[in-house]
């Protein structure tokens, strides 16, 4: 019997992870696309080039090659035999899960390896936004020290209420770090966690959290139900002077509504790592000295990136050896295998 095939979409960066992926050659034949753009990739799918591919390793940047994993791409890969797509990232909005499900493709993400680094980034952004560090940093580099006029006074984190929207691994890690600063934590999640899992944090309804938090940190995946979950109606329910932190996905916030809330003073400041149309950033955010911006750096550490790559390889190996992914996405937890 011939070996199944494994499709590599994108580049594996770390040598140890490359070696781990290469070791799969004992149980699977490696395949890489010849295409370098979505149009040609679809043609390659239609040509039968990926027939016999059982599993695929997918990087975030491979979207430049494949486009979003949806529609006819899903159909063609499913017909070719693809049953497992191991995505390298906690967020998987580049993959249309209903389309993948229809095509019989099981999708996994990386839900744990990213937790600490992303929570660290959220903590940095929260502190920077609370303390109003964005403009002094820029002024210092321009040779103006604090600036031609002193920056506005910031706020101490101690005693403030931080509302965490999305209490998964990243949210729980961020909770511990915020509490170390003397902050009080409440959270909203699609379901209430056990006291042990929540670490004793107060569970709050969404509107209650919006109306009672001094800082709101967004830690949810992007999907149809979370797209623009923070927009004008939600800002109107928040405390005056609230601080917004987003390390999730840009489109969970309506950026135009955020720009207005900042200019109106409803939002005191914001710390953002992700953007609605990244790498493009709304000019109203770039121009606002109350906004601390990072270019999607949440998992940008050597250690975390290496762990993520090994995690994805482990998902591919598990798929090939057991017929199951280690970390199937939430929407496919009970999805049967199509053969």
C-alpha atoms as a PDB file:
ATOM      1  CA  UNK A   1       0.000   0.000   0.000  1.00  0.00           C
ATOM      2  CA  UNK A   2       1.358   3.430  -0.928  1.00  0.00           C
ATOM      3  CA  UNK A   3       1.993   6.005   1.769  1.00  0.00           C
ATOM      4  CA  UNK A   4      -0.473   8.829   2.330  1.00  0.00           C
ATOM      5  CA  UNK A   5       0.702  12.292   1.338  1.00  0.00           C
ATOM      6  CA  UNK A   6       1.293  15.353   3.511  1.00  0.00           C
ATOM      7  CA  UNK A   7       0.949  18.807   1.967  1.00  0.00           C
ATOM      8  CA  UNK A   8       3.147  21.609   3.325  1.00  0.00           C
ATOM      9  CA  UNK A   9       1.560  25.032   2.850  1.00  0.00           C
ATOM     10  CA  UNK A  10       4.110  27.705   3.733  1.00  0.00           C
ATOM     11  CA  UNK A  11       7.523  27.561   5.389  1.00  0.00           C
ATOM     12  CA  UNK A  12       8.580  25.946   8.653  1.00  0.00           C
ATOM     13  CA  UNK A  13      11.073  28.387  10.161  1.00  0.00           C
ATOM     14  CA  UNK A  14      12.811  26.579  13.036  1.00  0.00           C
ATOM     15  CA  UNK A  15      15.341  23.836  12.367  1.00  0.00           C
ATOM     16  CA  UNK A  16      14.133  21.516  15.116  1.00  0.00           C
ATOM     17  CA  UNK A  17      10.578  21.753  13.803  1.00  0.00           C
ATOM     18  CA  UNK A  18      11.770  21.193  10.236  1.00  0.00           C
ATOM     19  CA  UNK A  19      13.507  18.027  11.394  1.00  0.00           C
ATOM     20  CA  UNK A  20      10.347  16.924  13.186  1.00  0.00           C
ATOM     21  CA  UNK A  21       8.291  17.479  10.029  1.00  0.00           C
ATOM     22  CA  UNK A  22      10.901  15.702   7.889  1.00  0.00           C
ATOM     23  CA  UNK A  23      10.646  12.693  10.199  1.00  0.00           C
ATOM     24  CA  UNK A  24       7.080  12.209   8.957  1.00  0.00           C
ATOM     25  CA  UNK A  25       8.626  10.855   5.741  1.00  0.00           C
ATOM     26  CA  UNK A  26       8.676   7.436   7.427  1.00  0.00           C
ATOM     27  CA  UNK A  27       4.873   7.359   7.313  1.00  0.00           C
ATOM     28  CA  UNK A  28       3.948   9.843   4.567  1.00  0.00           C
ATOM     29  CA  UNK A  29       5.134  11.296   1.274  1.00  0.00           C
ATOM     30  CA  UNK A  30       5.790  15.061   1.367  1.00  0.00           C
ATOM     31  CA  UNK A  31       4.128  17.327  -1.201  1.00  0.00           C
ATOM     32  CA  UNK A  32       4.523  21.075  -1.748  1.00  0.00           C
ATOM     33  CA  UNK A  33       2.562  23.303  -4.125  1.00  0.00           C
ATOM     34  CA  UNK A  34       4.258  24.796  -7.171  1.00  0.00           C
ATOM     35  CA  UNK A  35       1.896  27.778  -7.072  1.00  0.00           C
ATOM     36  CA  UNK A  36       2.741  31.138  -5.501  1.00  0.00           C
ATOM     37  CA  UNK A  37      -0.679  32.815  -5.706  1.00  0.00           C
ATOM     38  CA  UNK A  38      -4.326  31.856  -4.992  1.00  0.00           C
ATOM     39  CA  UNK A  39      -5.417  31.732  -8.638  1.00  0.00           C
ATOM     40  CA  UNK A  40      -2.691  29.285  -9.621  1.00  0.00           C
ATOM     41  CA  UNK A  41      -3.193  27.275  -6.443  1.00  0.00           C
ATOM     42  CA  UNK A  42      -6.836  26.672  -7.315  1.00  0.00           C
ATOM     43  CA  UNK A  43      -5.796  25.551 -10.808  1.00  0.00           C
ATOM     44  CA  UNK A  44      -3.263  23.196  -9.210  1.00  0.00           C
ATOM     45  CA  UNK A  45      -6.010  21.802  -6.963  1.00  0.00           C
ATOM     46  CA  UNK A  46      -8.242  21.211  -9.990  1.00  0.00           C
ATOM     47  CA  UNK A  47      -5.392  19.481 -11.865  1.00  0.00           C
ATOM     48  CA  UNK A  48      -5.262  16.588  -9.420  1.00  0.00           C
ATOM     49  CA  UNK A  49      -1.769  17.495  -8.193  1.00  0.00           C
ATOM     50  CA  UNK A  50      -2.839  16.905  -4.596  1.00  0.00           C
ATOM     51  CA  UNK A  51      -4.644  13.611  -5.090  1.00  0.00           C
ATOM     52  CA  UNK A  52      -3.840  11.281  -2.207  1.00  0.00           C
ATOM     53  CA  UNK A  53      -3.030  14.094   0.222  1.00  0.00           C
ATOM     54  CA  UNK A  54      -4.370  13.020   3.605  1.00  0.00           C
ATOM     55  CA  UNK A  55      -3.116  15.833   5.838  1.00  0.00           C
ATOM     56  CA  UNK A  56      -1.735  19.351   5.450  1.00  0.00           C
ATOM     57  CA  UNK A  57       0.449  21.617   7.568  1.00  0.00           C
ATOM     58  CA  UNK A  58      -0.674  25.225   7.071  1.00  0.00           C
ATOM     59  CA  UNK A  59       1.089  28.450   8.111  1.00  0.00           C
ATOM     60  CA  UNK A  60      -0.588  31.820   8.630  1.00  0.00           C
ATOM     61  CA  UNK A  61       1.400  33.394   5.780  1.00  0.00           C
ATOM     62  CA  UNK A  62       0.448  30.642   3.337  1.00  0.00           C
ATOM     63  CA  UNK A  63      -2.725  32.635   2.678  1.00  0.00           C
ATOM     64  CA  UNK A  64      -0.595  34.476   0.106  1.00  0.00           C
ATOM     65  CA  UNK A  65      -0.304  31.189  -1.805  1.00  0.00           C
ATOM     66  CA  UNK A  66      -3.717  29.623  -1.250  1.00  0.00           C
ATOM     67  CA  UNK A  67      -6.028  32.484  -0.403  1.00  0.00           C
ATOM     68  CA  UNK A  68      -8.587  31.737   2.296  1.00  0.00           C
ATOM     69  CA  UNK A  69      -9.373  28.062   2.739  1.00  0.00           C
ATOM     70  CA  UNK A  70     -12.966  28.190   1.580  1.00  0.00           C
ATOM     71  CA  UNK A  71     -15.325  27.525  -1.295  1.00  0.00           C
ATOM     72  CA  UNK A  72     -13.880  25.704  -4.290  1.00  0.00           C
ATOM     73  CA  UNK A  73     -10.476  25.300  -2.646  1.00  0.00           C
ATOM     74  CA  UNK A  74     -12.151  23.252   0.099  1.00  0.00           C
ATOM     75  CA  UNK A  75     -14.168  21.296  -2.450  1.00  0.00           C
ATOM     76  CA  UNK A  76     -11.132  20.400  -4.559  1.00  0.00           C
ATOM     77  CA  UNK A  77      -8.906  19.499  -1.599  1.00  0.00           C
ATOM     78  CA  UNK A  78     -11.688  17.402  -0.111  1.00  0.00           C
ATOM     79  CA  UNK A  79     -12.140  15.538  -3.413  1.00  0.00           C
ATOM     80  CA  UNK A  80      -8.366  14.986  -3.527  1.00  0.00           C
ATOM     81  CA  UNK A  81      -8.589  13.181  -0.187  1.00  0.00           C
ATOM     82  CA  UNK A  82      -7.561  15.861   2.298  1.00  0.00           C
ATOM     83  CA  UNK A  83      -9.085  15.031   5.677  1.00  0.00           C
ATOM     84  CA  UNK A  84      -6.898  16.949   8.127  1.00  0.00           C
ATOM     85  CA  UNK A  85      -5.713  20.569   8.019  1.00  0.00           C
ATOM     86  CA  UNK A  86      -3.324  21.492  10.840  1.00  0.00           C
ATOM     87  CA  UNK A  87      -3.263  25.286  11.071  1.00  0.00           C
ATOM     88  CA  UNK A  88      -0.399  27.097  12.790  1.00  0.00           C
ATOM     89  CA  UNK A  89      -2.127  29.693  14.973  1.00  0.00           C
ATOM     90  CA  UNK A  90      -4.662  30.079  17.740  1.00  0.00           C
ATOM     91  CA  UNK A  91      -6.997  32.062  15.479  1.00  0.00           C
ATOM     92  CA  UNK A  92      -8.195  30.228  12.390  1.00  0.00           C
ATOM     93  CA  UNK A  93     -10.415  32.802  10.672  1.00  0.00           C
ATOM     94  CA  UNK A  94      -8.500  32.267   7.401  1.00  0.00           C
ATOM     95  CA  UNK A  95     -10.275  28.904   7.225  1.00  0.00           C
ATOM     96  CA  UNK A  96     -14.009  28.779   6.533  1.00  0.00           C
ATOM     97  CA  UNK A  97     -15.000  26.043   8.963  1.00  0.00           C
ATOM     98  CA  UNK A  98     -18.478  25.342   7.510  1.00  0.00           C
ATOM     99  CA  UNK A  99     -16.906  24.925   4.051  1.00  0.00           C
ATOM    100  CA  UNK A 100     -14.180  22.676   5.473  1.00  0.00           C
ATOM    101  CA  UNK A 101     -16.788  20.598   7.301  1.00  0.00           C
ATOM    102  CA  UNK A 102     -18.862  20.215   4.145  1.00  0.00           C
ATOM    103  CA  UNK A 103     -15.752  19.008   2.292  1.00  0.00           C
ATOM    104  CA  UNK A 104     -14.896  16.537   5.060  1.00  0.00           C
ATOM    105  CA  UNK A 105     -11.775  18.428   6.178  1.00  0.00           C
ATOM    106  CA  UNK A 106     -11.026  18.441   9.916  1.00  0.00           C
ATOM    107  CA  UNK A 107      -9.200  21.585  11.075  1.00  0.00           C
ATOM    108  CA  UNK A 108      -6.959  22.033  14.116  1.00  0.00           C
ATOM    109  CA  UNK A 109      -5.407  25.123  15.662  1.00  0.00           C
ATOM    110  CA  UNK A 110      -2.724  25.817  18.287  1.00  0.00           C
ATOM    111  CA  UNK A 111      -4.637  26.648  21.474  1.00  0.00           C
ATOM    112  CA  UNK A 112      -1.994  26.442  24.203  1.00  0.00           C
ATOM    113  CA  UNK A 113       1.494  27.231  22.917  1.00  0.00           C
ATOM    114  CA  UNK A 114       0.448  30.828  22.206  1.00  0.00           C
ATOM    115  CA  UNK A 115      -1.097  31.592  25.604  1.00  0.00           C
ATOM    116  CA  UNK A 116       1.776  33.105  27.583  1.00  0.00           C
ATOM    117  CA  UNK A 117       3.281  35.209  24.796  1.00  0.00           C
ATOM    118  CA  UNK A 118      -0.092  36.634  23.744  1.00  0.00           C
ATOM    119  CA  UNK A 119      -1.054  37.374  27.346  1.00  0.00           C
ATOM    120  CA  UNK A 120       2.319  39.102  27.836  1.00  0.00           C
ATOM    121  CA  UNK A 121       1.545  41.272  24.811  1.00  0.00           C
ATOM    122  CA  UNK A 122      -1.892  42.138  26.188  1.00  0.00           C
ATOM    123  CA  UNK A 123      -0.298  43.096  29.501  1.00  0.00           C
ATOM    124  CA  UNK A 124       2.222  45.354  27.753  1.00  0.00           C
ATOM    125  CA  UNK A 125      -0.522  47.026  25.728  1.00  0.00           C
ATOM    126  CA  UNK A 126      -2.748  47.470  28.778  1.00  0.00           C
ATOM    127  CA  UNK A 127       0.012  49.078  30.832  1.00  0.00           C
ATOM    128  CA  UNK A 128       1.096  51.269  27.936  1.00  0.00           C
ATOM    129  CA  UNK A 129      -2.464  52.396  27.285  1.00  0.00           C
ATOM    130  CA  UNK A 130      -3.274  53.017  30.951  1.00  0.00           C
ATOM    131  CA  UNK A 131      -0.065  54.979  31.500  1.00  0.00           C
ATOM    132  CA  UNK A 132      -0.330  56.867  28.176  1.00  0.00           C
ATOM    133  CA  UNK A 133       3.106  55.783  27.006  1.00  0.00           C
ATOM    134  CA  UNK A 134       2.418  55.929  23.240  1.00  0.00           C
ATOM    135  CA  UNK A 135       3.136  59.620  22.595  1.00  0.00           C
ATOM    136  CA  UNK A 136       6.155  59.906  24.948  1.00  0.00           C
ATOM    137  CA  UNK A 137       7.786  56.963  23.156  1.00  0.00           C
ATOM    138  CA  UNK A 138       7.331  58.693  19.776  1.00  0.00           C
ATOM    139  CA  UNK A 139       8.412  62.103  21.104  1.00  0.00           C
ATOM    140  CA  UNK A 140      11.537  60.679  22.700  1.00  0.00           C
ATOM    141  CA  UNK A 141      12.677  59.222  19.384  1.00  0.00           C
ATOM    142  CA  UNK A 142      12.061  62.586  17.695  1.00  0.00           C
ATOM    143  CA  UNK A 143      14.416  64.243  20.189  1.00  0.00           C
ATOM    144  CA  UNK A 144      11.595  65.990  22.069  1.00  0.00           C
ATOM    145  CA  UNK A 145      11.864  63.957  25.281  1.00  0.00           C
ATOM    146  CA  UNK A 146       8.302  63.982  26.703  1.00  0.00           C
ATOM    147  CA  UNK A 147       7.106  66.276  23.938  1.00  0.00           C
ATOM    148  CA  UNK A 148       6.646  69.987  23.327  1.00  0.00           C
ATOM    149  CA  UNK A 149       3.762  69.807  25.781  1.00  0.00           C
ATOM    150  CA  UNK A 150       3.612  67.201  28.586  1.00  0.00           C
ATOM    151  CA  UNK A 151       1.580  64.091  27.794  1.00  0.00           C
ATOM    152  CA  UNK A 152      -1.695  63.530  29.644  1.00  0.00           C
ATOM    153  CA  UNK A 153      -1.420  61.818  32.999  1.00  0.00           C
ATOM    154  CA  UNK A 154      -2.116  58.109  32.851  1.00  0.00           C
ATOM    155  CA  UNK A 155      -3.672  55.753  35.381  1.00  0.00           C
ATOM    156  CA  UNK A 156      -2.345  53.105  37.760  1.00  0.00           C
ATOM    157  CA  UNK A 157      -3.585  49.547  37.170  1.00  0.00           C
ATOM    158  CA  UNK A 158      -3.947  48.767  40.868  1.00  0.00           C
ATOM    159  CA  UNK A 159      -7.566  48.619  41.974  1.00  0.00           C
ATOM    160  CA  UNK A 160      -8.958  48.844  38.440  1.00  0.00           C
ATOM    161  CA  UNK A 161     -11.501  46.327  37.141  1.00  0.00           C
ATOM    162  CA  UNK A 162     -10.394  44.493  34.018  1.00  0.00           C
ATOM    163  CA  UNK A 163     -13.070  42.720  32.006  1.00  0.00           C
ATOM    164  CA  UNK A 164     -11.817  39.791  29.944  1.00  0.00           C
ATOM    165  CA  UNK A 165     -13.976  38.871  26.969  1.00  0.00           C
ATOM    166  CA  UNK A 166     -13.035  35.290  26.126  1.00  0.00           C
ATOM    167  CA  UNK A 167     -11.656  33.204  29.001  1.00  0.00           C
ATOM    168  CA  UNK A 168      -9.726  30.614  27.039  1.00  0.00           C
ATOM    169  CA  UNK A 169      -6.067  29.874  27.647  1.00  0.00           C
ATOM    170  CA  UNK A 170      -4.911  33.384  26.719  1.00  0.00           C
ATOM    171  CA  UNK A 171      -7.621  35.028  28.822  1.00  0.00           C
ATOM    172  CA  UNK A 172      -6.799  32.881  31.855  1.00  0.00           C
ATOM    173  CA  UNK A 173      -3.073  33.600  31.539  1.00  0.00           C
ATOM    174  CA  UNK A 174      -3.787  37.328  31.212  1.00  0.00           C
ATOM    175  CA  UNK A 175      -6.009  37.140  34.320  1.00  0.00           C
ATOM    176  CA  UNK A 176      -3.120  35.898  36.464  1.00  0.00           C
ATOM    177  CA  UNK A 177      -0.826  38.630  35.195  1.00  0.00           C
ATOM    178  CA  UNK A 178      -3.412  41.374  35.707  1.00  0.00           C
ATOM    179  CA  UNK A 179      -4.069  40.188  39.254  1.00  0.00           C
ATOM    180  CA  UNK A 180      -0.345  40.445  39.992  1.00  0.00           C
ATOM    181  CA  UNK A 181      -0.756  44.190  39.362  1.00  0.00           C
ATOM    182  CA  UNK A 182      -3.518  44.431  41.957  1.00  0.00           C
ATOM    183  CA  UNK A 183      -6.360  44.498  39.435  1.00  0.00           C
ATOM    184  CA  UNK A 184      -9.803  42.974  39.963  1.00  0.00           C
ATOM    185  CA  UNK A 185     -10.839  40.570  37.226  1.00  0.00           C
ATOM    186  CA  UNK A 186     -14.221  39.702  35.783  1.00  0.00           C
ATOM    187  CA  UNK A 187     -14.883  37.789  32.591  1.00  0.00           C
ATOM    188  CA  UNK A 188     -17.459  36.931  29.988  1.00  0.00           C
ATOM    189  CA  UNK A 189     -17.307  33.686  28.053  1.00  0.00           C
ATOM    190  CA  UNK A 190     -19.661  31.693  25.847  1.00  0.00           C
ATOM    191  CA  UNK A 191     -20.135  29.475  28.927  1.00  0.00           C
ATOM    192  CA  UNK A 192     -19.351  30.000  32.596  1.00  0.00           C
ATOM    193  CA  UNK A 193     -16.181  28.231  33.733  1.00  0.00           C
ATOM    194  CA  UNK A 194     -15.758  26.209  36.890  1.00  0.00           C
ATOM    195  CA  UNK A 195     -14.331  28.146  39.838  1.00  0.00           C
ATOM    196  CA  UNK A 196     -11.147  26.108  39.512  1.00  0.00           C
ATOM    197  CA  UNK A 197     -10.697  26.926  35.813  1.00  0.00           C
ATOM    198  CA  UNK A 198     -11.634  30.595  36.223  1.00  0.00           C
ATOM    199  CA  UNK A 199      -9.348  30.986  39.192  1.00  0.00           C
ATOM    200  CA  UNK A 200     -12.190  32.545  41.169  1.00  0.00           C
ATOM    201  CA  UNK A 201     -12.771  35.382  38.705  1.00  0.00           C
ATOM    202  CA  UNK A 202     -16.293  36.774  38.650  1.00  0.00           C
ATOM    203  CA  UNK A 203     -18.468  35.743  35.710  1.00  0.00           C
ATOM    204  CA  UNK A 204     -20.420  38.654  34.230  1.00  0.00           C
ATOM    205  CA  UNK A 205     -22.979  39.009  31.477  1.00  0.00           C
ATOM    206  CA  UNK A 206     -21.657  40.783  28.401  1.00  0.00           C
ATOM    207  CA  UNK A 207     -23.505  44.042  29.009  1.00  0.00           C
ATOM    208  CA  UNK A 208     -22.651  43.972  32.720  1.00  0.00           C
ATOM    209  CA  UNK A 209     -18.979  43.572  31.862  1.00  0.00           C
ATOM    210  CA  UNK A 210     -19.135  46.445  29.370  1.00  0.00           C
ATOM    211  CA  UNK A 211     -20.722  48.766  31.920  1.00  0.00           C
ATOM    212  CA  UNK A 212     -18.523  47.987  34.911  1.00  0.00           C
ATOM    213  CA  UNK A 213     -14.982  47.456  33.554  1.00  0.00           C
ATOM    214  CA  UNK A 214     -12.210  50.064  33.592  1.00  0.00           C
ATOM    215  CA  UNK A 215     -10.237  48.012  31.068  1.00  0.00           C
ATOM    216  CA  UNK A 216     -11.696  45.613  28.503  1.00  0.00           C
ATOM    217  CA  UNK A 217      -9.412  42.972  26.988  1.00  0.00           C
ATOM    218  CA  UNK A 218     -10.628  41.064  23.925  1.00  0.00           C
ATOM    219  CA  UNK A 219      -9.476  37.449  23.695  1.00  0.00           C
ATOM    220  CA  UNK A 220     -12.006  35.777  21.394  1.00  0.00           C
ATOM    221  CA  UNK A 221     -11.686  34.032  18.016  1.00  0.00           C
ATOM    222  CA  UNK A 222     -13.029  35.850  14.979  1.00  0.00           C
ATOM    223  CA  UNK A 223     -16.172  34.273  13.542  1.00  0.00           C
ATOM    224  CA  UNK A 224     -19.618  35.371  12.451  1.00  0.00           C
ATOM    225  CA  UNK A 225     -20.802  35.858  16.026  1.00  0.00           C
ATOM    226  CA  UNK A 226     -17.771  37.896  17.147  1.00  0.00           C
ATOM    227  CA  UNK A 227     -17.322  40.098  14.067  1.00  0.00           C
ATOM    228  CA  UNK A 228     -17.783  43.726  15.226  1.00  0.00           C
ATOM    229  CA  UNK A 229     -18.918  42.511  18.638  1.00  0.00           C
ATOM    230  CA  UNK A 230     -17.565  45.861  19.862  1.00  0.00           C
ATOM    231  CA  UNK A 231     -19.155  48.734  17.930  1.00  0.00           C
ATOM    232  CA  UNK A 232     -21.083  51.942  18.622  1.00  0.00           C
ATOM    233  CA  UNK A 233     -23.863  50.325  20.704  1.00  0.00           C
ATOM    234  CA  UNK A 234     -21.318  48.550  22.900  1.00  0.00           C
ATOM    235  CA  UNK A 235     -19.154  51.658  23.373  1.00  0.00           C
ATOM    236  CA  UNK A 236     -22.260  53.531  24.532  1.00  0.00           C
ATOM    237  CA  UNK A 237     -22.683  51.028  27.375  1.00  0.00           C
ATOM    238  CA  UNK A 238     -19.084  51.360  28.625  1.00  0.00           C
ATOM    239  CA  UNK A 239     -17.737  53.555  31.387  1.00  0.00           C
ATOM    240  CA  UNK A 240     -16.474  56.954  30.311  1.00  0.00           C
ATOM    241  CA  UNK A 241     -12.695  56.728  30.003  1.00  0.00           C
ATOM    242  CA  UNK A 242     -12.540  52.977  29.422  1.00  0.00           C
ATOM    243  CA  UNK A 243      -9.315  51.428  28.088  1.00  0.00           C
ATOM    244  CA  UNK A 244      -9.555  48.894  25.236  1.00  0.00           C
ATOM    245  CA  UNK A 245      -6.991  46.142  24.595  1.00  0.00           C
ATOM    246  CA  UNK A 246      -7.174  43.842  21.564  1.00  0.00           C
ATOM    247  CA  UNK A 247      -4.808  40.945  20.897  1.00  0.00           C
ATOM    248  CA  UNK A 248      -7.498  38.730  19.303  1.00  0.00           C
ATOM    249  CA  UNK A 249      -8.396  39.689  15.732  1.00  0.00           C
ATOM    250  CA  UNK A 250      -8.882  43.203  14.429  1.00  0.00           C
ATOM    251  CA  UNK A 251     -12.393  42.694  13.108  1.00  0.00           C
ATOM    252  CA  UNK A 252     -13.884  41.865  16.518  1.00  0.00           C
ATOM    253  CA  UNK A 253     -13.860  45.678  16.882  1.00  0.00           C
ATOM    254  CA  UNK A 254     -15.514  48.081  14.466  1.00  0.00           C
ATOM    255  CA  UNK A 255     -12.432  50.274  13.942  1.00  0.00           C
ATOM    256  CA  UNK A 256     -14.379  53.273  12.660  1.00  0.00           C
ATOM    257  CA  UNK A 257     -16.536  53.149  15.803  1.00  0.00           C
ATOM    258  CA  UNK A 258     -13.404  52.891  17.966  1.00  0.00           C
ATOM    259  CA  UNK A 259     -11.861  55.924  16.271  1.00  0.00           C
ATOM    260  CA  UNK A 260     -15.005  57.931  17.030  1.00  0.00           C
ATOM    261  CA  UNK A 261     -15.180  56.706  20.627  1.00  0.00           C
ATOM    262  CA  UNK A 262     -11.567  57.771  21.110  1.00  0.00           C
ATOM    263  CA  UNK A 263     -12.105  61.202  19.564  1.00  0.00           C
ATOM    264  CA  UNK A 264     -15.250  61.700  21.675  1.00  0.00           C
ATOM    265  CA  UNK A 265     -13.348  60.790  24.835  1.00  0.00           C
ATOM    266  CA  UNK A 266     -15.574  57.807  25.601  1.00  0.00           C
ATOM    267  CA  UNK A 267     -12.490  55.598  25.269  1.00  0.00           C
ATOM    268  CA  UNK A 268      -9.503  57.030  27.142  1.00  0.00           C
ATOM    269  CA  UNK A 269      -6.908  54.970  25.301  1.00  0.00           C
ATOM    270  CA  UNK A 270      -6.361  51.711  23.449  1.00  0.00           C
ATOM    271  CA  UNK A 271      -3.631  49.127  23.052  1.00  0.00           C
ATOM    272  CA  UNK A 272      -3.890  47.199  19.780  1.00  0.00           C
ATOM    273  CA  UNK A 273      -1.916  44.366  18.222  1.00  0.00           C
ATOM    274  CA  UNK A 274      -4.413  43.430  15.490  1.00  0.00           C
ATOM    275  CA  UNK A 275      -6.375  45.368  12.881  1.00  0.00           C
ATOM    276  CA  UNK A 276      -9.483  44.967  10.796  1.00  0.00           C
ATOM    277  CA  UNK A 277      -7.681  45.113   7.427  1.00  0.00           C
ATOM    278  CA  UNK A 278      -4.094  44.454   8.473  1.00  0.00           C
ATOM    279  CA  UNK A 279      -1.465  45.295   7.421  1.00  0.00           C
ATOM    280  CA  UNK A 280      -3.518  48.422   6.673  1.00  0.00           C
ATOM    281  CA  UNK A 281      -4.345  50.367   9.844  1.00  0.00           C
ATOM    282  CA  UNK A 282      -7.140  52.925  10.132  1.00  0.00           C
ATOM    283  CA  UNK A 283      -5.511  56.357   9.871  1.00  0.00           C
ATOM    284  CA  UNK A 284      -7.603  57.573  12.792  1.00  0.00           C
ATOM    285  CA  UNK A 285      -5.779  55.073  15.010  1.00  0.00           C
ATOM    286  CA  UNK A 286      -2.336  55.943  13.631  1.00  0.00           C
ATOM    287  CA  UNK A 287      -2.922  59.662  14.190  1.00  0.00           C
ATOM    288  CA  UNK A 288      -4.270  59.326  17.741  1.00  0.00           C
ATOM    289  CA  UNK A 289      -1.598  59.734  20.431  1.00  0.00           C
ATOM    290  CA  UNK A 290      -3.841  57.868  22.891  1.00  0.00           C
ATOM    291  CA  UNK A 291      -3.411  54.619  20.952  1.00  0.00           C
ATOM    292  CA  UNK A 292      -0.487  52.248  21.474  1.00  0.00           C
ATOM    293  CA  UNK A 293       0.038  50.156  18.342  1.00  0.00           C
ATOM    294  CA  UNK A 294       1.940  46.931  17.643  1.00  0.00           C
ATOM    295  CA  UNK A 295       2.139  45.173  14.243  1.00  0.00           C
ATOM    296  CA  UNK A 296       0.621  41.786  15.236  1.00  0.00           C
ATOM    297  CA  UNK A 297       3.463  40.750  17.545  1.00  0.00           C
ATOM    298  CA  UNK A 298       1.480  38.617  20.006  1.00  0.00           C
ATOM    299  CA  UNK A 299       3.370  35.361  19.442  1.00  0.00           C
ATOM    300  CA  UNK A 300       6.538  36.913  18.022  1.00  0.00           C
ATOM    301  CA  UNK A 301       9.099  35.174  20.188  1.00  0.00           C
ATOM    302  CA  UNK A 302      11.590  32.483  19.228  1.00  0.00           C
ATOM    303  CA  UNK A 303      10.377  30.122  21.942  1.00  0.00           C
ATOM    304  CA  UNK A 304       6.682  30.490  21.162  1.00  0.00           C
ATOM    305  CA  UNK A 305       7.058  30.215  17.389  1.00  0.00           C
ATOM    306  CA  UNK A 306       9.148  27.071  17.796  1.00  0.00           C
ATOM    307  CA  UNK A 307       6.600  25.529  20.179  1.00  0.00           C
ATOM    308  CA  UNK A 308       3.789  26.357  17.762  1.00  0.00           C
ATOM    309  CA  UNK A 309       5.535  24.663  14.850  1.00  0.00           C
ATOM    310  CA  UNK A 310       6.171  21.515  16.885  1.00  0.00           C
ATOM    311  CA  UNK A 311       2.526  21.519  17.985  1.00  0.00           C
ATOM    312  CA  UNK A 312       1.338  21.610  14.359  1.00  0.00           C
ATOM    313  CA  UNK A 313       3.670  18.755  13.389  1.00  0.00           C
ATOM    314  CA  UNK A 314       2.270  16.758  16.316  1.00  0.00           C
ATOM    315  CA  UNK A 315      -1.251  17.397  14.998  1.00  0.00           C
ATOM    316  CA  UNK A 316      -0.240  16.103  11.556  1.00  0.00           C
ATOM    317  CA  UNK A 317       1.408  13.019  13.050  1.00  0.00           C
ATOM    318  CA  UNK A 318      -1.621  12.301  15.211  1.00  0.00           C
ATOM    319  CA  UNK A 319      -3.906  12.622  12.191  1.00  0.00           C
ATOM    320  CA  UNK A 320      -1.838  10.174  10.161  1.00  0.00           C
ATOM    321  CA  UNK A 321      -1.284   7.645  12.935  1.00  0.00           C
ATOM    322  CA  UNK A 322      -4.602   7.731  14.799  1.00  0.00           C
ATOM    323  CA  UNK A 323      -7.068   9.382  12.424  1.00  0.00           C
ATOM    324  CA  UNK A 324      -7.637  12.181  14.930  1.00  0.00           C
ATOM    325  CA  UNK A 325      -6.257  15.685  15.473  1.00  0.00           C
ATOM    326  CA  UNK A 326      -4.917  16.625  18.910  1.00  0.00           C
ATOM    327  CA  UNK A 327      -6.715  19.981  18.955  1.00  0.00           C
ATOM    328  CA  UNK A 328      -9.722  20.086  16.620  1.00  0.00           C
ATOM    329  CA  UNK A 329     -11.376  23.487  16.417  1.00  0.00           C
ATOM    330  CA  UNK A 330     -14.406  24.047  18.621  1.00  0.00           C
ATOM    331  CA  UNK A 331     -16.922  23.882  15.770  1.00  0.00           C
ATOM    332  CA  UNK A 332     -15.758  20.372  14.754  1.00  0.00           C
ATOM    333  CA  UNK A 333     -15.366  18.695  18.147  1.00  0.00           C
ATOM    334  CA  UNK A 334     -17.869  15.933  17.301  1.00  0.00           C
ATOM    335  CA  UNK A 335     -17.337  15.769  13.549  1.00  0.00           C
ATOM    336  CA  UNK A 336     -17.107  12.186  12.220  1.00  0.00           C
ATOM    337  CA  UNK A 337     -14.315  11.210   9.836  1.00  0.00           C
ATOM    338  CA  UNK A 338     -15.340  10.996   6.182  1.00  0.00           C
ATOM    339  CA  UNK A 339     -13.611   8.287   4.185  1.00  0.00           C
END
